[in-house]
Amino acid sequence: AVARLTVHSPAVIDVPPFDVITPMGSSIDLPCNFSGFPAPSIIWLKDGAPLLFEGRFSVALSGALTILQSNISDTGIYTCRVKNVVASAEAKASLTVQGLPG
């Protein structure tokens, strides 16, 4: 008989997002590189509410959140949350989108 050992490792965030201040209209990438086994799932939240990945928002396989053509309404606290059967982890960053100087 062959015994097989499966080692699970907790979901961890290896590269957390960082605070960003950017002019309106720019594109933003917030990193959230993660690891763990089994492979963790990832969700992004803005001000505590899950983000819908459509239109200007997308998530890369690495976990990075991309926001295209940022506008002032994108300003807020973004949370990257990863989890698997072993553990969960989260990291937050603030995004400030500045309007055109008046």
PDB file of N, CA and C in Angstrom:
ATOM      1  N   ALA A   1       0.844  -1.189   0.000  1.00  0.00           N
ATOM      2  CA  ALA A   1       0.000   0.000   0.000  1.00  0.00           C
ATOM      3  C   ALA A   1       0.878   1.238   0.000  1.00  0.00           C
ATOM      4  N   VAL A   2       0.373   2.260  -0.656  1.00  0.00           N
ATOM      5  CA  VAL A   2       1.105   3.517  -0.742  1.00  0.00           C
ATOM      6  C   VAL A   2       0.354   4.554   0.073  1.00  0.00           C
ATOM      7  N   ALA A   3       1.056   5.186   0.981  1.00  0.00           N
ATOM      8  CA  ALA A   3       0.454   6.283   1.757  1.00  0.00           C
ATOM      9  C   ALA A   3       0.787   7.586   1.060  1.00  0.00           C
ATOM     10  N   ARG A   4      -0.194   8.443   0.969  1.00  0.00           N
ATOM     11  CA  ARG A   4       0.018   9.725   0.310  1.00  0.00           C
ATOM     12  C   ARG A   4      -0.271  10.827   1.319  1.00  0.00           C
ATOM     13  N   LEU A   5       0.655  11.746   1.471  1.00  0.00           N
ATOM     14  CA  LEU A   5       0.502  12.853   2.400  1.00  0.00           C
ATOM     15  C   LEU A   5       0.292  14.133   1.599  1.00  0.00           C
ATOM     16  N   THR A   6      -0.796  14.827   1.891  1.00  0.00           N
ATOM     17  CA  THR A   6      -1.047  16.110   1.259  1.00  0.00           C
ATOM     18  C   THR A   6      -0.837  17.193   2.304  1.00  0.00           C
ATOM     19  N   VAL A   7       0.051  18.096   2.024  1.00  0.00           N
ATOM     20  CA  VAL A   7       0.336  19.179   2.959  1.00  0.00           C
ATOM     21  C   VAL A   7      -0.371  20.437   2.495  1.00  0.00           C
ATOM     22  N   HIS A   8      -1.242  20.920   3.342  1.00  0.00           N
ATOM     23  CA  HIS A   8      -1.929  22.177   3.033  1.00  0.00           C
ATOM     24  C   HIS A   8      -1.146  23.318   3.652  1.00  0.00           C
ATOM     25  N   SER A   9      -1.160  24.457   2.972  1.00  0.00           N
ATOM     26  CA  SER A   9      -0.519  25.642   3.534  1.00  0.00           C
ATOM     27  C   SER A   9      -1.541  26.776   3.537  1.00  0.00           C
ATOM     28  N   PRO A  10      -1.466  27.635   4.547  1.00  0.00           N
ATOM     29  CA  PRO A  10      -2.472  28.690   4.672  1.00  0.00           C
ATOM     30  C   PRO A  10      -2.397  29.715   3.550  1.00  0.00           C
ATOM     31  N   ALA A  11      -3.540  30.320   3.287  1.00  0.00           N
ATOM     32  CA  ALA A  11      -3.582  31.432   2.337  1.00  0.00           C
ATOM     33  C   ALA A  11      -2.856  32.613   2.956  1.00  0.00           C
ATOM     34  N   VAL A  12      -1.901  33.158   2.236  1.00  0.00           N
ATOM     35  CA  VAL A  12      -1.168  34.334   2.709  1.00  0.00           C
ATOM     36  C   VAL A  12      -1.044  35.339   1.570  1.00  0.00           C
ATOM     37  N   ILE A  13      -0.933  36.605   1.943  1.00  0.00           N
ATOM     38  CA  ILE A  13      -0.711  37.670   0.965  1.00  0.00           C
ATOM     39  C   ILE A  13       0.779  37.979   0.973  1.00  0.00           C
ATOM     40  N   ASP A  14       1.427  37.693  -0.145  1.00  0.00           N
ATOM     41  CA  ASP A  14       2.879  37.873  -0.252  1.00  0.00           C
ATOM     42  C   ASP A  14       3.253  39.313  -0.597  1.00  0.00           C
ATOM     43  N   VAL A  15       2.454  39.952  -1.446  1.00  0.00           N
ATOM     44  CA  VAL A  15       2.689  41.350  -1.820  1.00  0.00           C
ATOM     45  C   VAL A  15       1.363  42.089  -1.637  1.00  0.00           C
ATOM     46  N   PRO A  16       1.235  42.862  -0.545  1.00  0.00           N
ATOM     47  CA  PRO A  16      -0.036  43.544  -0.282  1.00  0.00           C
ATOM     48  C   PRO A  16      -0.204  44.792  -1.141  1.00  0.00           C
ATOM     49  N   PRO A  17      -1.443  45.258  -1.269  1.00  0.00           N
ATOM     50  CA  PRO A  17      -1.672  46.524  -1.972  1.00  0.00           C
ATOM     51  C   PRO A  17      -1.076  47.680  -1.169  1.00  0.00           C
ATOM     52  N   PHE A  18      -0.860  48.800  -1.812  1.00  0.00           N
ATOM     53  CA  PHE A  18      -0.279  49.971  -1.152  1.00  0.00           C
ATOM     54  C   PHE A  18      -1.143  51.193  -1.448  1.00  0.00           C
ATOM     55  N   ASP A  19      -1.046  52.196  -0.594  1.00  0.00           N
ATOM     56  CA  ASP A  19      -1.825  53.422  -0.768  1.00  0.00           C
ATOM     57  C   ASP A  19      -1.400  54.134  -2.047  1.00  0.00           C
ATOM     58  N   VAL A  20      -2.406  54.669  -2.756  1.00  0.00           N
ATOM     59  CA  VAL A  20      -2.140  55.344  -4.032  1.00  0.00           C
ATOM     60  C   VAL A  20      -2.892  56.668  -4.057  1.00  0.00           C
ATOM     61  N   ILE A  21      -2.207  57.695  -4.523  1.00  0.00           N
ATOM     62  CA  ILE A  21      -2.832  58.978  -4.843  1.00  0.00           C
ATOM     63  C   ILE A  21      -2.558  59.204  -6.321  1.00  0.00           C
ATOM     64  N   THR A  22      -3.605  59.404  -7.100  1.00  0.00           N
ATOM     65  CA  THR A  22      -3.434  59.450  -8.547  1.00  0.00           C
ATOM     66  C   THR A  22      -4.371  60.485  -9.161  1.00  0.00           C
ATOM     67  N   PRO A  23      -4.001  61.067 -10.303  1.00  0.00           N
ATOM     68  CA  PRO A  23      -4.913  61.994 -10.969  1.00  0.00           C
ATOM     69  C   PRO A  23      -6.065  61.258 -11.649  1.00  0.00           C
ATOM     70  N   MET A  24      -7.182  61.923 -11.744  1.00  0.00           N
ATOM     71  CA  MET A  24      -8.344  61.381 -12.420  1.00  0.00           C
ATOM     72  C   MET A  24      -7.982  60.997 -13.857  1.00  0.00           C
ATOM     73  N   GLY A  25      -8.511  59.857 -14.328  1.00  0.00           N
ATOM     74  CA  GLY A  25      -8.275  59.416 -15.695  1.00  0.00           C
ATOM     75  C   GLY A  25      -7.131  58.437 -15.851  1.00  0.00           C
ATOM     76  N   SER A  26      -6.334  58.249 -14.792  1.00  0.00           N
ATOM     77  CA  SER A  26      -5.212  57.316 -14.905  1.00  0.00           C
ATOM     78  C   SER A  26      -5.670  55.894 -14.621  1.00  0.00           C
ATOM     79  N   SER A  27      -4.850  54.941 -15.014  1.00  0.00           N
ATOM     80  CA  SER A  27      -5.101  53.536 -14.705  1.00  0.00           C
ATOM     81  C   SER A  27      -4.283  53.144 -13.486  1.00  0.00           C
ATOM     82  N   ILE A  28      -4.854  52.289 -12.656  1.00  0.00           N
ATOM     83  CA  ILE A  28      -4.232  51.918 -11.383  1.00  0.00           C
ATOM     84  C   ILE A  28      -4.131  50.406 -11.296  1.00  0.00           C
ATOM     85  N   ASP A  29      -3.005  49.921 -10.790  1.00  0.00           N
ATOM     86  CA  ASP A  29      -2.838  48.501 -10.465  1.00  0.00           C
ATOM     87  C   ASP A  29      -2.526  48.394  -8.980  1.00  0.00           C
ATOM     88  N   LEU A  30      -3.396  47.712  -8.233  1.00  0.00           N
ATOM     89  CA  LEU A  30      -3.144  47.446  -6.821  1.00  0.00           C
ATOM     90  C   LEU A  30      -2.751  45.980  -6.698  1.00  0.00           C
ATOM     91  N   PRO A  31      -1.509  45.690  -6.263  1.00  0.00           N
ATOM     92  CA  PRO A  31      -1.085  44.294  -6.174  1.00  0.00           C
ATOM     93  C   PRO A  31      -1.771  43.573  -5.012  1.00  0.00           C
ATOM     94  N   CYS A  32      -1.869  42.274  -5.131  1.00  0.00           N
ATOM     95  CA  CYS A  32      -2.282  41.412  -4.027  1.00  0.00           C
ATOM     96  C   CYS A  32      -1.820  40.005  -4.377  1.00  0.00           C
ATOM     97  N   ASN A  33      -0.489  39.840  -4.459  1.00  0.00           N
ATOM     98  CA  ASN A  33       0.060  38.524  -4.784  1.00  0.00           C
ATOM     99  C   ASN A  33      -0.141  37.614  -3.585  1.00  0.00           C
ATOM    100  N   PHE A  34      -0.624  36.403  -3.833  1.00  0.00           N
ATOM    101  CA  PHE A  34      -0.954  35.507  -2.736  1.00  0.00           C
ATOM    102  C   PHE A  34      -0.463  34.109  -3.026  1.00  0.00           C
ATOM    103  N   SER A  35      -0.428  33.273  -1.975  1.00  0.00           N
ATOM    104  CA  SER A  35      -0.033  31.877  -2.134  1.00  0.00           C
ATOM    105  C   SER A  35      -0.781  31.050  -1.100  1.00  0.00           C
ATOM    106  N   GLY A  36      -0.664  29.748  -1.237  1.00  0.00           N
ATOM    107  CA  GLY A  36      -1.309  28.811  -0.335  1.00  0.00           C
ATOM    108  C   GLY A  36      -1.718  27.577  -1.103  1.00  0.00           C
ATOM    109  N   PHE A  37      -1.970  26.487  -0.366  1.00  0.00           N
ATOM    110  CA  PHE A  37      -2.446  25.252  -0.995  1.00  0.00           C
ATOM    111  C   PHE A  37      -3.479  24.620  -0.087  1.00  0.00           C
ATOM    112  N   PRO A  38      -4.643  24.265  -0.629  1.00  0.00           N
ATOM    113  CA  PRO A  38      -5.048  24.479  -2.013  1.00  0.00           C
ATOM    114  C   PRO A  38      -5.106  25.960  -2.382  1.00  0.00           C
ATOM    115  N   ALA A  39      -5.097  26.219  -3.682  1.00  0.00           N
ATOM    116  CA  ALA A  39      -5.034  27.597  -4.168  1.00  0.00           C
ATOM    117  C   ALA A  39      -6.159  28.427  -3.551  1.00  0.00           C
ATOM    118  N   PRO A  40      -5.820  29.554  -2.955  1.00  0.00           N
ATOM    119  CA  PRO A  40      -6.846  30.398  -2.332  1.00  0.00           C
ATOM    120  C   PRO A  40      -7.747  31.081  -3.364  1.00  0.00           C
ATOM    121  N   SER A  41      -8.935  31.415  -2.916  1.00  0.00           N
ATOM    122  CA  SER A  41      -9.811  32.283  -3.704  1.00  0.00           C
ATOM    123  C   SER A  41      -9.529  33.719  -3.275  1.00  0.00           C
ATOM    124  N   ILE A  42      -9.846  34.658  -4.141  1.00  0.00           N
ATOM    125  CA  ILE A  42      -9.595  36.062  -3.830  1.00  0.00           C
ATOM    126  C   ILE A  42     -10.846  36.878  -4.116  1.00  0.00           C
ATOM    127  N   ILE A  43     -11.120  37.827  -3.239  1.00  0.00           N
ATOM    128  CA  ILE A  43     -12.140  38.827  -3.528  1.00  0.00           C
ATOM    129  C   ILE A  43     -11.562  40.188  -3.169  1.00  0.00           C
ATOM    130  N   TRP A  44     -12.027  41.196  -3.867  1.00  0.00           N
ATOM    131  CA  TRP A  44     -11.674  42.580  -3.579  1.00  0.00           C
ATOM    132  C   TRP A  44     -12.929  43.294  -3.095  1.00  0.00           C
ATOM    133  N   LEU A  45     -12.749  44.163  -2.121  1.00  0.00           N
ATOM    134  CA  LEU A  45     -13.845  44.973  -1.615  1.00  0.00           C
ATOM    135  C   LEU A  45     -13.461  46.441  -1.689  1.00  0.00           C
ATOM    136  N   LYS A  46     -14.455  47.285  -1.864  1.00  0.00           N
ATOM    137  CA  LYS A  46     -14.248  48.731  -1.795  1.00  0.00           C
ATOM    138  C   LYS A  46     -15.145  49.243  -0.684  1.00  0.00           C
ATOM    139  N   ASP A  47     -14.540  49.875   0.314  1.00  0.00           N
ATOM    140  CA  ASP A  47     -15.279  50.377   1.475  1.00  0.00           C
ATOM    141  C   ASP A  47     -16.167  49.289   2.070  1.00  0.00           C
ATOM    142  N   GLY A  48     -15.658  48.049   2.104  1.00  0.00           N
ATOM    143  CA  GLY A  48     -16.358  46.948   2.747  1.00  0.00           C
ATOM    144  C   GLY A  48     -17.341  46.192   1.883  1.00  0.00           C
ATOM    145  N   ALA A  49     -17.606  46.652   0.660  1.00  0.00           N
ATOM    146  CA  ALA A  49     -18.573  45.985  -0.222  1.00  0.00           C
ATOM    147  C   ALA A  49     -17.833  45.281  -1.358  1.00  0.00           C
ATOM    148  N   PRO A  50     -18.226  44.042  -1.704  1.00  0.00           N
ATOM    149  CA  PRO A  50     -17.543  43.330  -2.789  1.00  0.00           C
ATOM    150  C   PRO A  50     -17.606  44.106  -4.103  1.00  0.00           C
ATOM    151  N   LEU A  51     -16.470  44.105  -4.800  1.00  0.00           N
ATOM    152  CA  LEU A  51     -16.400  44.763  -6.112  1.00  0.00           C
ATOM    153  C   LEU A  51     -16.947  43.844  -7.188  1.00  0.00           C
ATOM    154  N   LEU A  52     -17.634  44.421  -8.143  1.00  0.00           N
ATOM    155  CA  LEU A  52     -18.063  43.684  -9.325  1.00  0.00           C
ATOM    156  C   LEU A  52     -16.999  43.883 -10.395  1.00  0.00           C
ATOM    157  N   PHE A  53     -16.528  42.789 -10.958  1.00  0.00           N
ATOM    158  CA  PHE A  53     -15.462  42.884 -11.946  1.00  0.00           C
ATOM    159  C   PHE A  53     -16.064  42.994 -13.333  1.00  0.00           C
ATOM    160  N   GLU A  54     -16.381  44.206 -13.697  1.00  0.00           N
ATOM    161  CA  GLU A  54     -16.933  44.491 -15.004  1.00  0.00           C
ATOM    162  C   GLU A  54     -16.519  45.900 -15.390  1.00  0.00           C
ATOM    163  N   GLY A  55     -16.623  46.194 -16.654  1.00  0.00           N
ATOM    164  CA  GLY A  55     -16.285  47.532 -17.104  1.00  0.00           C
ATOM    165  C   GLY A  55     -14.842  47.876 -16.819  1.00  0.00           C
ATOM    166  N   ARG A  56     -14.616  48.853 -15.950  1.00  0.00           N
ATOM    167  CA  ARG A  56     -13.268  49.382 -15.698  1.00  0.00           C
ATOM    168  C   ARG A  56     -12.475  48.572 -14.676  1.00  0.00           C
ATOM    169  N   PHE A  57     -13.093  47.597 -14.018  1.00  0.00           N
ATOM    170  CA  PHE A  57     -12.434  46.836 -12.951  1.00  0.00           C
ATOM    171  C   PHE A  57     -12.135  45.408 -13.412  1.00  0.00           C
ATOM    172  N   SER A  58     -10.911  44.946 -13.167  1.00  0.00           N
ATOM    173  CA  SER A  58     -10.571  43.555 -13.478  1.00  0.00           C
ATOM    174  C   SER A  58      -9.508  43.067 -12.496  1.00  0.00           C
ATOM    175  N   VAL A  59      -9.428  41.740 -12.366  1.00  0.00           N
ATOM    176  CA  VAL A  59      -8.431  41.124 -11.488  1.00  0.00           C
ATOM    177  C   VAL A  59      -7.578  40.179 -12.313  1.00  0.00           C
ATOM    178  N   ALA A  60      -6.269  40.307 -12.156  1.00  0.00           N
ATOM    179  CA  ALA A  60      -5.323  39.431 -12.856  1.00  0.00           C
ATOM    180  C   ALA A  60      -5.183  38.114 -12.098  1.00  0.00           C
ATOM    181  N   LEU A  61      -4.612  37.112 -12.744  1.00  0.00           N
ATOM    182  CA  LEU A  61      -4.357  35.839 -12.075  1.00  0.00           C
ATOM    183  C   LEU A  61      -3.467  36.012 -10.851  1.00  0.00           C
ATOM    184  N   SER A  62      -2.608  37.017 -10.872  1.00  0.00           N
ATOM    185  CA  SER A  62      -1.725  37.278  -9.736  1.00  0.00           C
ATOM    186  C   SER A  62      -2.482  37.821  -8.529  1.00  0.00           C
ATOM    187  N   GLY A  63      -3.728  38.271  -8.767  1.00  0.00           N
ATOM    188  CA  GLY A  63      -4.515  38.874  -7.697  1.00  0.00           C
ATOM    189  C   GLY A  63      -4.597  40.383  -7.787  1.00  0.00           C
ATOM    190  N   ALA A  64      -3.796  40.984  -8.666  1.00  0.00           N
ATOM    191  CA  ALA A  64      -3.770  42.448  -8.785  1.00  0.00           C
ATOM    192  C   ALA A  64      -5.102  42.975  -9.318  1.00  0.00           C
ATOM    193  N   LEU A  65      -5.553  44.063  -8.715  1.00  0.00           N
ATOM    194  CA  LEU A  65      -6.759  44.751  -9.165  1.00  0.00           C
ATOM    195  C   LEU A  65      -6.353  45.866 -10.113  1.00  0.00           C
ATOM    196  N   THR A  66      -6.978  45.919 -11.287  1.00  0.00           N
ATOM    197  CA  THR A  66      -6.739  47.003 -12.236  1.00  0.00           C
ATOM    198  C   THR A  66      -8.007  47.833 -12.359  1.00  0.00           C
ATOM    199  N   ILE A  67      -7.829  49.140 -12.259  1.00  0.00           N
ATOM    200  CA  ILE A  67      -8.929  50.084 -12.454  1.00  0.00           C
ATOM    201  C   ILE A  67      -8.522  50.982 -13.618  1.00  0.00           C
ATOM    202  N   LEU A  68      -9.325  50.971 -14.677  1.00  0.00           N
ATOM    203  CA  LEU A  68      -9.035  51.796 -15.851  1.00  0.00           C
ATOM    204  C   LEU A  68      -9.767  53.129 -15.735  1.00  0.00           C
ATOM    205  N   GLN A  69      -9.151  54.178 -16.267  1.00  0.00           N
ATOM    206  CA  GLN A  69      -9.777  55.507 -16.333  1.00  0.00           C
ATOM    207  C   GLN A  69     -10.416  55.890 -14.997  1.00  0.00           C
ATOM    208  N   SER A  70      -9.578  55.972 -13.977  1.00  0.00           N
ATOM    209  CA  SER A  70     -10.072  56.237 -12.626  1.00  0.00           C
ATOM    210  C   SER A  70     -10.846  57.556 -12.566  1.00  0.00           C
ATOM    211  N   ASN A  71     -11.838  57.575 -11.696  1.00  0.00           N
ATOM    212  CA  ASN A  71     -12.547  58.824 -11.445  1.00  0.00           C
ATOM    213  C   ASN A  71     -12.702  59.028  -9.941  1.00  0.00           C
ATOM    214  N   ILE A  72     -13.162  60.187  -9.553  1.00  0.00           N
ATOM    215  CA  ILE A  72     -13.191  60.550  -8.141  1.00  0.00           C
ATOM    216  C   ILE A  72     -14.026  59.568  -7.329  1.00  0.00           C
ATOM    217  N   SER A  73     -15.063  58.989  -7.919  1.00  0.00           N
ATOM    218  CA  SER A  73     -15.899  58.037  -7.186  1.00  0.00           C
ATOM    219  C   SER A  73     -15.158  56.735  -6.852  1.00  0.00           C
ATOM    220  N   ASP A  74     -13.984  56.520  -7.451  1.00  0.00           N
ATOM    221  CA  ASP A  74     -13.185  55.335  -7.128  1.00  0.00           C
ATOM    222  C   ASP A  74     -12.403  55.508  -5.826  1.00  0.00           C
ATOM    223  N   THR A  75     -12.342  56.716  -5.293  1.00  0.00           N
ATOM    224  CA  THR A  75     -11.642  56.965  -4.033  1.00  0.00           C
ATOM    225  C   THR A  75     -12.260  56.117  -2.927  1.00  0.00           C
ATOM    226  N   GLY A  76     -11.416  55.485  -2.124  1.00  0.00           N
ATOM    227  CA  GLY A  76     -11.918  54.683  -1.014  1.00  0.00           C
ATOM    228  C   GLY A  76     -10.857  53.740  -0.484  1.00  0.00           C
ATOM    229  N   ILE A  77     -11.297  52.854   0.417  1.00  0.00           N
ATOM    230  CA  ILE A  77     -10.418  51.840   0.994  1.00  0.00           C
ATOM    231  C   ILE A  77     -10.689  50.522   0.268  1.00  0.00           C
ATOM    232  N   TYR A  78      -9.634  49.976  -0.327  1.00  0.00           N
ATOM    233  CA  TYR A  78      -9.737  48.716  -1.062  1.00  0.00           C
ATOM    234  C   TYR A  78      -9.126  47.597  -0.227  1.00  0.00           C
ATOM    235  N   THR A  79      -9.852  46.489  -0.120  1.00  0.00           N
ATOM    236  CA  THR A  79      -9.401  45.339   0.660  1.00  0.00           C
ATOM    237  C   THR A  79      -9.285  44.128  -0.251  1.00  0.00           C
ATOM    238  N   CYS A  80      -8.142  43.480  -0.183  1.00  0.00           N
ATOM    239  CA  CYS A  80      -7.899  42.232  -0.890  1.00  0.00           C
ATOM    240  C   CYS A  80      -8.021  41.134   0.162  1.00  0.00           C
ATOM    241  N   ARG A  81      -8.898  40.151  -0.076  1.00  0.00           N
ATOM    242  CA  ARG A  81      -9.131  39.071   0.886  1.00  0.00           C
ATOM    243  C   ARG A  81      -8.932  37.739   0.180  1.00  0.00           C
ATOM    244  N   VAL A  82      -8.041  36.915   0.737  1.00  0.00           N
ATOM    245  CA  VAL A  82      -7.790  35.588   0.182  1.00  0.00           C
ATOM    246  C   VAL A  82      -8.113  34.538   1.241  1.00  0.00           C
ATOM    247  N   LYS A  83      -8.604  33.382   0.775  1.00  0.00           N
ATOM    248  CA  LYS A  83      -8.860  32.317   1.745  1.00  0.00           C
ATOM    249  C   LYS A  83      -8.818  30.956   1.080  1.00  0.00           C
ATOM    250  N   ASN A  84      -8.431  29.977   1.880  1.00  0.00           N
ATOM    251  CA  ASN A  84      -8.538  28.582   1.476  1.00  0.00           C
ATOM    252  C   ASN A  84      -9.001  27.798   2.706  1.00  0.00           C
ATOM    253  N   VAL A  85      -8.974  26.463   2.633  1.00  0.00           N
ATOM    254  CA  VAL A  85      -9.500  25.656   3.732  1.00  0.00           C
ATOM    255  C   VAL A  85      -8.675  25.790   5.007  1.00  0.00           C
ATOM    256  N   VAL A  86      -7.459  26.293   4.901  1.00  0.00           N
ATOM    257  CA  VAL A  86      -6.568  26.383   6.056  1.00  0.00           C
ATOM    258  C   VAL A  86      -6.705  27.721   6.776  1.00  0.00           C
ATOM    259  N   ALA A  87      -6.754  28.814   6.028  1.00  0.00           N
ATOM    260  CA  ALA A  87      -6.748  30.137   6.660  1.00  0.00           C
ATOM    261  C   ALA A  87      -7.216  31.201   5.664  1.00  0.00           C
ATOM    262  N   SER A  88      -7.409  32.390   6.204  1.00  0.00           N
ATOM    263  CA  SER A  88      -7.714  33.536   5.353  1.00  0.00           C
ATOM    264  C   SER A  88      -6.811  34.689   5.761  1.00  0.00           C
ATOM    265  N   ALA A  89      -6.666  35.646   4.853  1.00  0.00           N
ATOM    266  CA  ALA A  89      -5.836  36.820   5.117  1.00  0.00           C
ATOM    267  C   ALA A  89      -6.413  37.983   4.335  1.00  0.00           C
ATOM    268  N   GLU A  90      -6.170  39.186   4.825  1.00  0.00           N
ATOM    269  CA  GLU A  90      -6.598  40.352   4.066  1.00  0.00           C
ATOM    270  C   GLU A  90      -5.624  41.487   4.281  1.00  0.00           C
ATOM    271  N   ALA A  91      -5.624  42.404   3.319  1.00  0.00           N
ATOM    272  CA  ALA A  91      -4.777  43.588   3.377  1.00  0.00           C
ATOM    273  C   ALA A  91      -5.558  44.731   2.761  1.00  0.00           C
ATOM    274  N   LYS A  92      -5.341  45.944   3.287  1.00  0.00           N
ATOM    275  CA  LYS A  92      -6.087  47.115   2.828  1.00  0.00           C
ATOM    276  C   LYS A  92      -5.145  48.198   2.337  1.00  0.00           C
ATOM    277  N   ALA A  93      -5.671  49.005   1.424  1.00  0.00           N
ATOM    278  CA  ALA A  93      -4.937  50.166   0.934  1.00  0.00           C
ATOM    279  C   ALA A  93      -5.956  51.244   0.578  1.00  0.00           C
ATOM    280  N   SER A  94      -5.527  52.490   0.697  1.00  0.00           N
ATOM    281  CA  SER A  94      -6.428  53.578   0.314  1.00  0.00           C
ATOM    282  C   SER A  94      -6.069  54.077  -1.080  1.00  0.00           C
ATOM    283  N   LEU A  95      -7.108  54.410  -1.825  1.00  0.00           N
ATOM    284  CA  LEU A  95      -6.941  55.002  -3.151  1.00  0.00           C
ATOM    285  C   LEU A  95      -7.585  56.373  -3.114  1.00  0.00           C
ATOM    286  N   THR A  96      -6.824  57.375  -3.495  1.00  0.00           N
ATOM    287  CA  THR A  96      -7.342  58.726  -3.604  1.00  0.00           C
ATOM    288  C   THR A  96      -7.183  59.182  -5.043  1.00  0.00           C
ATOM    289  N   VAL A  97      -8.307  59.454  -5.681  1.00  0.00           N
ATOM    290  CA  VAL A  97      -8.296  59.959  -7.060  1.00  0.00           C
ATOM    291  C   VAL A  97      -8.569  61.448  -6.997  1.00  0.00           C
ATOM    292  N   GLN A  98      -7.617  62.226  -7.506  1.00  0.00           N
ATOM    293  CA  GLN A  98      -7.718  63.684  -7.443  1.00  0.00           C
ATOM    294  C   GLN A  98      -8.287  64.241  -8.746  1.00  0.00           C
ATOM    295  N   GLY A  99      -9.228  65.183  -8.609  1.00  0.00           N
ATOM    296  CA  GLY A  99      -9.814  65.833  -9.772  1.00  0.00           C
ATOM    297  C   GLY A  99      -8.866  66.853 -10.373  1.00  0.00           C
ATOM    298  N   LEU A 100      -9.292  67.426 -11.456  1.00  0.00           N
ATOM    299  CA  LEU A 100      -8.478  68.443 -12.120  1.00  0.00           C
ATOM    300  C   LEU A 100      -8.373  69.675 -11.218  1.00  0.00           C
ATOM    301  N   PRO A 101      -7.211  70.300 -11.169  1.00  0.00           N
ATOM    302  CA  PRO A 101      -7.086  71.487 -10.329  1.00  0.00           C
ATOM    303  C   PRO A 101      -8.063  72.577 -10.790  1.00  0.00           C
ATOM    304  N   GLY A 102      -8.691  73.223  -9.808  1.00  0.00           N
ATOM    305  CA  GLY A 102      -9.676  74.241 -10.137  1.00  0.00           C
ATOM    306  C   GLY A 102      -9.029  75.560 -10.211  1.00  0.00           C
TER     307      GLY A 102
END
